[in-house]
């Protein structure tokens, strides 16, 4: 659900194909749970069929209760394995990581060139539009 860029946090809501449903760019001093709550309002508007959401351990806590009470969904926290050393692919969490890797292929998103979070969100949406068009149009 989130990717740290120096000075910013990117919170993404994606489907199982890695396509963007919701996006929230916040300052780095905003807690992940608070950014996730803002993201949740966007996901709620477009997710009638949703039943389960997956997030990493930074979103644990109060957000789980908010999701179940207000939306009726289940928020499953994907935690690191107890004996994990180094990088390990975790179930369902790799989907967001894959989407972030796709986005970071765009030079404009590799660093935080934008001054405003709104313009950063626009650049991410622009990159996702290009990605989805390439997926839709056969070559």
Foldseek 3Di string as FASTA:
>chain_A
DWDDAVQKIWDFDADQQLATQFIDIDGPVDQPLVSVVVRVVSCLVPPPPAAEAEEEPSNDDPSQVVCCVVPVHGYHYFYDDPPDDDDDDTPPPVSNVVSVVQQCVDVPLVHPPDPDRVVVVVSSVVSSVVVVVPVPDDD
